[in-house]
Amino acid sequence: MGKLFIVIGILFVIIGLVWTFIGKLPGDIVIKKGNFTMYFPIVTSIVISIILSIIFFIFGRFR
């Protein structure tokens, strides 16, 4: 059980690092009007979707 928590923790650290580096990519929409800011992470969502699709495809092949 302890090994599982270590693996989950490492995965969270990796996800956090990736999120830090690809958090705001060119192509994401930012609307700033006065005191209001709206952020649409369209490109970031597409990149994360592609990465997760590749990871799940690879895990599916080994299963």
C-alpha atoms as a PDB file:
ATOM      1  CA  MET A   1       0.000   0.000   0.000  1.00  0.00           C
ATOM      2  CA  GLY A   2       2.877   2.358   0.756  1.00  0.00           C
ATOM      3  CA  LYS A   3       4.376   1.849  -2.720  1.00  0.00           C
ATOM      4  CA  LEU A   4       1.059   2.833  -4.284  1.00  0.00           C
ATOM      5  CA  PHE A   5       1.037   6.125  -2.373  1.00  0.00           C
ATOM      6  CA  ILE A   6       4.617   6.824  -3.465  1.00  0.00           C
ATOM      7  CA  VAL A   7       3.723   6.207  -7.120  1.00  0.00           C
ATOM      8  CA  ILE A   8       0.626   8.404  -6.851  1.00  0.00           C
ATOM      9  CA  GLY A   9       2.693  11.156  -5.232  1.00  0.00           C
ATOM     10  CA  ILE A  10       5.308  10.989  -7.975  1.00  0.00           C
ATOM     11  CA  LEU A  11       2.548  11.191 -10.598  1.00  0.00           C
ATOM     12  CA  PHE A  12       1.127  14.295  -8.913  1.00  0.00           C
ATOM     13  CA  VAL A  13       4.566  15.926  -8.899  1.00  0.00           C
ATOM     14  CA  ILE A  14       5.050  15.154 -12.599  1.00  0.00           C
ATOM     15  CA  ILE A  15       1.583  16.491 -13.450  1.00  0.00           C
ATOM     16  CA  GLY A  16       2.292  19.647 -11.465  1.00  0.00           C
ATOM     17  CA  LEU A  17       5.583  20.235 -13.283  1.00  0.00           C
ATOM     18  CA  VAL A  18       3.986  19.674 -16.677  1.00  0.00           C
ATOM     19  CA  TRP A  19       1.109  22.009 -15.774  1.00  0.00           C
ATOM     20  CA  THR A  20       3.621  24.690 -14.749  1.00  0.00           C
ATOM     21  CA  PHE A  21       5.437  24.537 -18.080  1.00  0.00           C
ATOM     22  CA  ILE A  22       2.406  24.286 -20.393  1.00  0.00           C
ATOM     23  CA  GLY A  23      -0.028  26.292 -18.277  1.00  0.00           C
ATOM     24  CA  LYS A  24      -0.382  29.233 -20.672  1.00  0.00           C
ATOM     25  CA  LEU A  25       0.390  28.422 -24.270  1.00  0.00           C
ATOM     26  CA  PRO A  26       0.076  30.734 -27.246  1.00  0.00           C
ATOM     27  CA  GLY A  27      -3.422  30.245 -28.598  1.00  0.00           C
ATOM     28  CA  ASP A  28      -5.116  30.301 -25.209  1.00  0.00           C
ATOM     29  CA  ILE A  29      -7.712  33.056 -25.112  1.00  0.00           C
ATOM     30  CA  VAL A  30      -7.443  35.748 -22.440  1.00  0.00           C
ATOM     31  CA  ILE A  31     -10.066  38.502 -22.200  1.00  0.00           C
ATOM     32  CA  LYS A  32      -9.229  41.456 -19.954  1.00  0.00           C
ATOM     33  CA  LYS A  33     -11.774  44.235 -19.493  1.00  0.00           C
ATOM     34  CA  GLY A  34     -11.233  46.591 -16.617  1.00  0.00           C
ATOM     35  CA  ASN A  35     -11.432  44.624 -13.394  1.00  0.00           C
ATOM     36  CA  PHE A  36     -12.533  41.392 -15.129  1.00  0.00           C
ATOM     37  CA  THR A  37     -10.296  38.678 -16.609  1.00  0.00           C
ATOM     38  CA  MET A  38     -11.507  35.528 -18.338  1.00  0.00           C
ATOM     39  CA  TYR A  39      -9.121  32.770 -19.421  1.00  0.00           C
ATOM     40  CA  PHE A  40      -9.969  30.018 -21.930  1.00  0.00           C
ATOM     41  CA  PRO A  41      -7.138  27.422 -22.046  1.00  0.00           C
ATOM     42  CA  ILE A  42      -8.104  25.956 -25.425  1.00  0.00           C
ATOM     43  CA  VAL A  43      -4.619  25.004 -26.686  1.00  0.00           C
ATOM     44  CA  THR A  44      -3.542  23.758 -23.255  1.00  0.00           C
ATOM     45  CA  SER A  45      -6.608  21.505 -23.125  1.00  0.00           C
ATOM     46  CA  ILE A  46      -5.859  20.104 -26.583  1.00  0.00           C
ATOM     47  CA  VAL A  47      -2.228  19.368 -25.660  1.00  0.00           C
ATOM     48  CA  ILE A  48      -3.248  17.641 -22.413  1.00  0.00           C
ATOM     49  CA  SER A  49      -5.874  15.615 -24.281  1.00  0.00           C
ATOM     50  CA  ILE A  50      -3.316  14.433 -26.843  1.00  0.00           C
ATOM     51  CA  ILE A  51      -0.807  13.482 -24.123  1.00  0.00           C
ATOM     52  CA  LEU A  52      -3.432  11.550 -22.140  1.00  0.00           C
ATOM     53  CA  SER A  53      -4.665   9.789 -25.299  1.00  0.00           C
ATOM     54  CA  ILE A  54      -1.124   8.627 -26.071  1.00  0.00           C
ATOM     55  CA  ILE A  55      -0.565   7.437 -22.483  1.00  0.00           C
ATOM     56  CA  PHE A  56      -3.852   5.494 -22.405  1.00  0.00           C
ATOM     57  CA  PHE A  57      -3.123   3.997 -25.836  1.00  0.00           C
ATOM     58  CA  ILE A  58       0.283   2.771 -24.645  1.00  0.00           C
ATOM     59  CA  PHE A  59      -1.179   1.302 -21.426  1.00  0.00           C
ATOM     60  CA  GLY A  60      -3.941  -0.347 -23.464  1.00  0.00           C
ATOM     61  CA  ARG A  61      -1.414  -2.044 -25.713  1.00  0.00           C
ATOM     62  CA  PHE A  62       0.357  -3.633 -22.733  1.00  0.00           C
ATOM     63  CA  ARG A  63      -2.854  -4.836 -21.150  1.00  0.00           C
END
